[in-house]
Protein backbone atom coordinates (compact mmCIF):
# COMPACT_ATOMS: atom_id res chain seq x y z
CA MET A 1 6.75 -24.59 -13.22
CA ALA A 2 5.09 -21.29 -12.35
CA PHE A 3 3.22 -20.87 -9.05
CA LEU A 4 -0.11 -20.49 -10.92
CA GLU A 5 -0.43 -22.38 -14.21
CA ILE A 6 -3.37 -21.95 -16.59
CA SER A 7 -2.83 -24.56 -19.30
CA ASP A 8 -4.77 -24.81 -22.59
CA VAL A 9 -7.94 -23.59 -20.90
CA ARG A 10 -11.05 -23.33 -23.02
CA LYS A 11 -14.55 -22.27 -22.00
CA GLN A 12 -17.69 -22.78 -24.05
CA PHE A 13 -21.25 -21.79 -23.19
CA GLN A 14 -23.52 -23.81 -25.50
CA GLN A 15 -22.30 -22.82 -28.99
CA ASN A 16 -20.37 -19.75 -27.82
CA VAL A 17 -16.64 -20.22 -27.15
CA VAL A 18 -15.60 -17.34 -24.88
CA VAL A 19 -12.07 -18.48 -23.95
CA LYS A 20 -9.90 -20.17 -26.55
CA GLY A 21 -6.66 -21.98 -25.76
CA PHE A 22 -5.65 -19.74 -22.86
CA ASN A 23 -2.13 -20.34 -21.49
CA LEU A 24 -0.48 -18.33 -18.73
CA GLY A 25 2.10 -18.95 -16.03
CA ILE A 26 2.26 -16.57 -13.06
CA GLU A 27 5.16 -16.59 -10.62
CA ARG A 28 4.78 -16.49 -6.85
CA GLY A 29 4.17 -12.90 -5.69
CA GLU A 30 3.61 -11.55 -9.21
CA PHE A 31 0.90 -9.00 -10.03
CA VAL A 32 -0.61 -9.75 -13.44
CA SER A 33 -3.45 -7.83 -15.10
CA LEU A 34 -5.88 -9.25 -17.65
CA LEU A 35 -6.67 -6.29 -19.91
CA GLY A 36 -9.19 -6.13 -22.72
CA PRO A 37 -12.56 -4.82 -23.86
CA SER A 38 -15.88 -6.04 -22.48
CA GLY A 39 -16.69 -9.54 -23.69
CA CYS A 40 -13.08 -10.59 -24.39
CA GLY A 41 -13.18 -13.40 -21.77
CA LYS A 42 -11.01 -11.91 -19.01
CA THR A 43 -13.59 -12.23 -16.21
CA THR A 44 -14.41 -15.77 -17.34
CA VAL A 45 -10.73 -16.70 -16.94
CA LEU A 46 -10.75 -15.20 -13.44
CA ARG A 47 -13.92 -17.10 -12.50
CA MET A 48 -12.36 -20.35 -13.71
CA VAL A 49 -9.32 -19.75 -11.50
CA ALA A 50 -11.67 -19.02 -8.58
CA GLY A 51 -13.73 -22.15 -9.28
CA PHE A 52 -17.00 -20.37 -10.05
CA GLU A 53 -16.82 -21.70 -13.63
CA SER A 54 -15.44 -25.04 -14.82
CA PRO A 55 -13.19 -25.12 -17.89
CA SER A 56 -14.54 -26.96 -20.92
CA ALA A 57 -10.96 -28.09 -21.45
CA GLY A 58 -7.55 -27.53 -19.89
CA ARG A 59 -6.14 -27.44 -16.35
CA ILE A 60 -5.46 -24.92 -13.59
CA LEU A 61 -2.69 -25.59 -11.09
CA ILE A 62 -1.85 -23.61 -7.94
CA ASP A 63 1.50 -24.31 -6.28
CA GLY A 64 1.82 -27.54 -8.24
CA LYS A 65 -1.65 -28.84 -7.30
CA ASP A 66 -4.34 -29.39 -9.92
CA VAL A 67 -7.33 -27.43 -8.62
CA THR A 68 -9.46 -27.83 -11.76
CA PRO A 69 -11.97 -30.27 -10.16
CA LEU A 70 -12.05 -28.48 -6.77
CA ARG A 71 -14.84 -26.28 -5.45
CA PRO A 72 -14.10 -22.58 -4.74
CA ASN A 73 -13.80 -23.13 -0.97
CA GLN A 74 -11.19 -25.85 -1.56
CA ARG A 75 -8.78 -23.71 -3.62
CA ASN A 76 -7.54 -21.23 -1.01
CA VAL A 77 -8.05 -18.18 -3.20
CA GLY A 78 -9.46 -14.79 -2.23
CA MET A 79 -11.69 -12.80 -4.56
CA VAL A 80 -12.75 -9.15 -4.60
CA PHE A 81 -15.76 -8.31 -6.76
CA GLN A 82 -16.66 -5.17 -8.66
CA ALA A 83 -19.86 -4.69 -6.60
CA TYR A 84 -18.13 -5.19 -3.18
CA ALA A 85 -20.60 -8.02 -2.25
CA LEU A 86 -20.50 -7.13 1.45
CA PHE A 87 -23.21 -8.47 3.74
CA PRO A 88 -25.44 -5.46 4.53
CA ASN A 89 -26.65 -6.89 7.86
CA MET A 90 -23.11 -7.39 9.19
CA THR A 91 -20.71 -4.84 10.60
CA VAL A 92 -17.37 -4.15 8.93
CA ALA A 93 -15.63 -6.39 11.47
CA ASP A 94 -18.13 -9.21 10.95
CA ASN A 95 -17.72 -8.99 7.17
CA VAL A 96 -13.95 -9.36 7.50
CA ALA A 97 -14.42 -12.23 9.94
CA PHE A 98 -16.95 -14.13 7.82
CA GLY A 99 -14.57 -16.50 6.04
CA LEU A 100 -12.68 -17.20 9.25
CA LYS A 101 -15.90 -18.17 11.02
CA VAL A 102 -16.87 -20.47 8.14
CA ALA A 103 -13.44 -22.10 8.51
CA LYS A 104 -14.22 -22.57 12.24
CA ARG A 105 -11.20 -20.64 13.49
CA SER A 106 -11.07 -19.93 17.23
CA PRO A 107 -12.68 -16.71 18.51
CA SER A 108 -9.31 -15.39 19.69
CA GLU A 109 -7.71 -16.05 16.32
CA ILE A 110 -10.62 -14.39 14.51
CA LYS A 111 -10.47 -11.31 16.73
CA SER A 112 -6.72 -10.96 16.27
CA ARG A 113 -6.87 -11.44 12.50
CA VAL A 114 -9.74 -8.98 12.04
CA GLU A 115 -7.89 -6.33 14.02
CA GLU A 116 -4.77 -6.98 11.94
CA MET A 117 -6.65 -6.68 8.64
CA LEU A 118 -8.53 -3.52 9.62
CA ALA A 119 -5.24 -1.93 10.66
CA MET A 120 -3.71 -2.99 7.35
CA ILE A 121 -6.45 -1.23 5.35
CA LYS A 122 -6.34 1.73 7.77
CA LEU A 123 -9.98 1.40 8.85
CA PRO A 124 -9.88 0.14 12.47
CA HIS A 125 -12.19 2.98 13.52
CA LEU A 126 -14.95 1.63 11.26
CA ALA A 127 -15.13 -1.85 12.79
CA SER A 128 -18.63 -1.39 14.21
CA ARG A 129 -20.14 0.37 11.21
CA TYR A 130 -22.36 -1.25 8.59
CA PRO A 131 -21.54 -1.14 4.86
CA TYR A 132 -24.17 1.50 4.10
CA GLN A 133 -22.39 3.81 6.58
CA CYS A 134 -19.13 3.57 4.59
CA SER A 135 -18.06 5.26 1.35
CA GLY A 136 -17.48 3.26 -1.82
CA GLY A 137 -13.73 3.33 -1.35
CA GLN A 138 -14.06 2.19 2.27
CA GLN A 139 -16.38 -0.65 1.27
CA GLN A 140 -13.92 -1.85 -1.33
CA ARG A 141 -11.13 -1.81 1.27
CA VAL A 142 -13.31 -3.93 3.55
CA ALA A 143 -13.95 -6.37 0.70
CA LEU A 144 -10.19 -6.56 0.13
CA ALA A 145 -9.55 -7.23 3.83
CA ARG A 146 -12.20 -9.97 3.84
CA ALA A 147 -10.56 -11.64 0.82
CA LEU A 148 -7.13 -11.55 2.49
CA ALA A 149 -8.21 -12.50 6.01
CA HIS A 150 -7.85 -16.26 5.53
CA LYS A 151 -4.37 -15.88 3.97
CA PRO A 152 -5.14 -17.13 0.45
CA LYS A 153 -2.45 -18.33 -1.92
CA VAL A 154 -3.89 -16.28 -4.80
CA LEU A 155 -5.80 -12.98 -4.79
CA LEU A 156 -8.30 -12.36 -7.60
CA LEU A 157 -9.57 -8.83 -8.31
CA ASP A 158 -12.49 -8.45 -10.72
CA GLU A 159 -12.58 -4.77 -11.81
CA PRO A 160 -12.66 -3.67 -8.15
CA LEU A 161 -12.23 0.03 -8.92
CA SER A 162 -14.71 0.57 -11.75
CA ALA A 163 -17.53 1.84 -9.51
CA LEU A 164 -15.40 4.51 -7.85
CA ASP A 165 -14.72 8.09 -8.88
CA ALA A 166 -11.41 9.04 -10.51
CA LYS A 167 -9.49 10.36 -7.47
CA ILE A 168 -10.50 7.47 -5.23
CA ARG A 169 -9.57 5.00 -7.97
CA VAL A 170 -6.03 6.37 -8.20
CA SER A 171 -5.61 6.35 -4.41
CA LEU A 172 -7.02 2.86 -3.98
CA ARG A 173 -5.01 1.29 -6.78
CA GLU A 174 -1.84 2.62 -5.11
CA ASP A 175 -3.00 1.12 -1.80
CA ILE A 176 -3.81 -2.23 -3.42
CA ARG A 177 -0.40 -2.42 -5.09
CA ALA A 178 1.44 -1.47 -1.90
CA LEU A 179 -0.53 -4.04 0.10
CA GLN A 180 0.08 -6.73 -2.51
CA ARG A 181 3.81 -6.04 -2.46
CA SER A 182 3.99 -6.09 1.34
CA LEU A 183 2.17 -9.44 1.51
CA GLY A 184 3.91 -10.93 -1.53
CA ILE A 185 0.65 -12.51 -2.65
CA THR A 186 0.19 -13.78 -6.21
CA THR A 187 -2.48 -11.58 -7.80
CA ILE A 188 -4.62 -11.47 -10.94
CA PHE A 189 -6.32 -8.15 -11.63
CA VAL A 190 -9.05 -7.87 -14.28
CA THR A 191 -9.66 -4.48 -15.87
CA HIS A 192 -10.61 -2.76 -19.11
CA ASP A 193 -8.77 0.38 -17.99
CA GLN A 194 -5.35 0.51 -19.64
CA GLU A 195 -3.98 3.07 -17.18
CA GLU A 196 -4.79 0.79 -14.24
CA ALA A 197 -3.15 -2.19 -15.92
CA LEU A 198 -0.01 -0.31 -16.98
CA SER A 199 0.50 1.45 -13.65
CA MET A 200 -0.10 -1.50 -11.32
CA SER A 201 1.22 -4.63 -13.03
CA ASP A 202 4.41 -6.61 -13.24
CA ARG A 203 3.00 -8.04 -16.48
CA VAL A 204 -0.06 -7.34 -18.59
CA VAL A 205 -2.06 -9.91 -20.57
CA VAL A 206 -3.94 -8.23 -23.42
CA MET A 207 -6.97 -10.31 -24.43
CA ASN A 208 -9.03 -10.09 -27.60
CA GLU A 209 -12.04 -12.27 -28.44
CA GLY A 210 -11.14 -14.99 -25.95
CA ARG A 211 -7.46 -15.22 -26.90
CA VAL A 212 -4.21 -13.77 -25.62
CA ASP A 213 -2.83 -11.20 -28.06
CA GLN A 214 0.27 -10.31 -26.04
CA VAL A 215 1.86 -10.88 -22.64
CA GLY A 216 4.59 -8.58 -21.39
CA ALA A 217 5.77 -5.89 -19.02
CA PRO A 218 3.82 -2.62 -19.26
CA PHE A 219 6.75 -0.89 -20.98
CA GLU A 220 6.87 -3.64 -23.62
CA ILE A 221 3.11 -3.73 -24.19
CA TYR A 222 2.96 0.03 -24.75
CA ASN A 223 6.15 0.56 -26.74
CA ASP A 224 6.37 -2.66 -28.74
CA PRO A 225 2.80 -3.92 -29.41
CA ALA A 226 2.73 -7.36 -31.03
CA THR A 227 -0.52 -6.91 -32.95
CA ARG A 228 -2.62 -4.15 -34.46
CA PHE A 229 -5.25 -4.73 -31.78
CA VAL A 230 -2.77 -4.21 -28.93
CA ALA A 231 -1.38 -1.08 -30.57
CA ASN A 232 -4.86 0.41 -30.90
CA PHE A 233 -6.24 -0.72 -27.54
CA VAL A 234 -3.32 0.26 -25.32
CA GLY A 235 -2.69 4.00 -25.36
CA THR A 236 -3.60 6.70 -27.88
CA LEU A 237 -2.52 6.44 -31.50
CA SER A 238 -2.52 8.72 -34.51
CA VAL A 239 -2.87 6.68 -37.70
CA LEU A 240 -1.73 7.94 -41.12
CA LYS A 241 -2.25 6.31 -44.50
CA GLY A 242 1.00 5.30 -46.16
CA LYS A 243 2.49 3.39 -49.08
CA VAL A 244 5.53 1.13 -48.89
CA LEU A 245 8.46 2.38 -50.99
CA ASP A 246 11.14 -0.01 -49.71
CA ALA A 247 10.15 -2.67 -47.17
CA LYS A 248 13.71 -3.68 -46.28
CA ALA A 249 14.84 -0.11 -45.66
CA GLY A 250 11.59 0.85 -43.93
CA ARG A 251 10.84 3.64 -46.42
CA ILE A 252 7.18 4.76 -46.50
CA GLN A 253 5.41 7.49 -48.42
CA VAL A 254 2.94 9.56 -46.38
CA GLY A 255 1.11 12.11 -48.49
CA LYS A 256 3.79 13.90 -50.53
CA SER A 257 6.54 13.15 -48.02
CA GLU A 258 8.76 10.18 -47.28
CA ILE A 259 9.45 8.83 -43.79
CA ILE A 260 11.66 6.05 -42.45
CA ALA A 261 10.71 3.32 -39.97
CA SER A 262 13.54 1.74 -37.98
CA ARG A 263 11.84 -1.65 -38.26
CA LYS A 264 11.87 -3.77 -41.38
CA ILE A 265 8.41 -4.09 -42.85
CA ILE A 266 7.49 -7.68 -43.66
CA ASN A 267 4.44 -9.14 -45.42
CA HIS A 268 4.47 -6.05 -47.65
CA ASN A 269 5.61 -5.39 -51.20
CA VAL A 270 6.61 -2.15 -52.85
CA GLY A 271 3.49 -0.10 -53.52
CA ASP A 272 1.36 -1.80 -50.84
CA ALA A 273 -0.83 0.41 -48.66
CA CYS A 274 -0.02 0.45 -44.95
CA SER A 275 -0.99 2.31 -41.80
CA VAL A 276 1.62 4.36 -39.95
CA ALA A 277 0.94 5.01 -36.26
CA LEU A 278 2.48 7.38 -33.72
CA ARG A 279 2.03 7.87 -29.99
CA PRO A 280 1.18 11.46 -28.92
CA GLU A 281 4.39 11.80 -26.92
CA ALA A 282 6.56 10.72 -29.87
CA ALA A 283 5.88 13.73 -32.12
CA VAL A 284 7.08 17.29 -31.53
CA LEU A 285 6.58 20.66 -33.20
CA GLU A 286 9.89 21.92 -34.51
CA ASN A 287 8.70 25.57 -34.53
CA GLY A 288 11.72 26.72 -36.46
CA HIS A 289 14.19 24.81 -34.23
CA ASP A 290 16.29 22.20 -36.00
CA LEU A 291 16.22 19.08 -33.82
CA GLY A 292 18.95 17.39 -35.82
CA SER A 293 19.29 15.03 -38.74
CA GLY A 294 17.80 11.56 -38.94
CA ARG A 295 14.29 12.64 -37.92
CA ASN A 296 11.14 12.25 -39.96
CA ARG A 297 9.37 15.51 -40.80
CA LEU A 298 5.84 16.18 -42.01
CA GLY A 299 4.35 19.58 -42.77
CA GLY A 300 0.81 20.44 -41.71
CA THR A 301 -1.44 22.98 -40.05
CA ILE A 302 -2.77 23.29 -36.49
CA ASP A 303 -6.29 21.85 -36.42
CA GLU A 304 -7.11 21.86 -32.69
CA VAL A 305 -5.51 22.72 -29.34
CA SER A 306 -6.94 21.05 -26.22
CA PHE A 307 -5.91 22.01 -22.69
CA LEU A 308 -5.81 18.89 -20.46
CA GLY A 309 -4.24 20.36 -17.33
CA SER A 310 -0.60 19.34 -17.13
CA VAL A 311 -0.65 18.41 -20.82
CA VAL A 312 -1.67 20.34 -23.94
CA ARG A 313 -2.78 18.09 -26.80
CA ILE A 314 -2.28 19.55 -30.27
CA ARG A 315 -3.91 18.10 -33.36
CA VAL A 316 -2.09 18.76 -36.62
CA LYS A 317 -3.83 18.26 -39.96
CA ILE A 318 -1.60 16.51 -42.49
CA ASP A 319 -3.23 16.10 -45.89
CA ASP A 320 -6.35 13.95 -45.23
CA ASP A 321 -5.03 12.63 -41.89
CA ALA A 322 -4.00 14.13 -38.58
CA ILE A 323 -1.39 13.66 -35.85
CA SER A 324 -2.08 14.33 -32.18
CA LEU A 325 0.90 15.28 -30.06
CA ASP A 326 1.31 16.13 -26.38
CA THR A 327 3.36 18.91 -24.83
CA PHE A 328 3.72 19.79 -21.16
CA ASN A 329 1.77 22.82 -20.05
CA ASN A 330 3.99 25.91 -19.92
CA PRO A 331 2.12 28.92 -18.45
CA SER A 332 4.58 31.35 -20.03
CA ALA A 333 4.28 29.91 -23.54
CA ILE A 334 1.69 30.97 -26.09
CA PRO A 335 -0.22 27.98 -27.50
CA PRO A 336 -0.13 27.63 -31.30
CA GLN A 337 -3.09 29.07 -33.15
CA ARG A 338 -5.49 27.10 -35.32
CA GLY A 339 -4.54 27.23 -38.99
CA ALA A 340 -0.86 28.00 -38.32
CA PRO A 341 1.59 26.08 -40.53
CA VAL A 342 3.90 23.77 -38.56
CA VAL A 343 6.41 20.98 -39.03
CA VAL A 344 5.94 17.79 -37.00
CA SER A 345 9.02 15.63 -36.46
CA PHE A 346 9.60 12.20 -34.92
CA THR A 347 12.30 9.55 -34.97
CA PRO A 348 12.26 6.41 -37.14
CA HIS A 349 12.10 4.34 -33.96
CA ASP A 350 8.74 5.94 -33.07
CA VAL A 351 7.06 4.71 -36.27
CA LEU A 352 4.69 1.75 -35.86
CA VAL A 353 3.55 0.01 -39.04
CA LEU A 354 0.20 -1.57 -38.18
CA ASP A 355 -0.74 -3.41 -41.38
CA GLY A 356 1.25 -6.63 -41.34
CA GLU A 357 3.90 -7.67 -38.88
CA THR A 358 7.03 -5.75 -38.04
CA LYS A 359 10.30 -6.77 -36.47
CA HIS A 360 13.45 -5.03 -35.37
């Protein structure tokens, strides 16, 4: 049995079912992200684990104990909210100490633990400040320290970085992951930001309309999406219209050209329409250089060139569709010009067929 078990959990508000048959096992010390669009049910799952919502059906177990009927303060979980939720009339130190005081710990133990937590989040010099005197990133660190002060068995993070600017978000997510690893605490992180989920997690749970579409390591979620929704939601995709020529051999017609997919196409017959998808990093411009046999090739023209800093994104028009591809910025290279004819190539393994299921 996993350290945290969410079994057949369902949540219904009046006639609206927001979580449907949710099952997930999380091992001790694992960092798992719930990823999905707004309204998919991820925060509701988190609130049920915390005890702020009661499941309409199903059970939640922590370390073998059924906590489903228990109140939040009986579950030994720590939660960090999107809006910090710090007490404005308390100093940073008092905010961190709040849960310990409620638990009636001794003054010496509280003082020692607060000092330890402030050192851990690298803010001991802010102990006497009030929340309004701290930046957003500092406030979120304080909220994290408060959640961890009473040594919870499970840490719950509800989009804790969404209110911060881009640079602080990157810095803080690295700090959160490092802290989680050092403590070995079991963690659930809710986000709609795919980059956060992929960069921080041991596993990612992609949710769609109250259900789990796929659970897997970030590498698996990105490179081998189980459903069309996962493929579209996680990462950037270029989608081309195609027609199946030979499902068993993976042969597909795109425009006037034929390409090969390394995966057998099932639930399709010869002549069926399908959608062919590519990641931006999978396609390259051959530019007169033969990259070898066995690659798919499509001719087109440069439609747009966008400079994104370290990456240059090139959009190539192919018949009525387009492929976006990424190249690393090379200051000594001349970017391709709009309207220039080019050949885009990619391997059969890079081809995702989105209509219908695929398998290796």
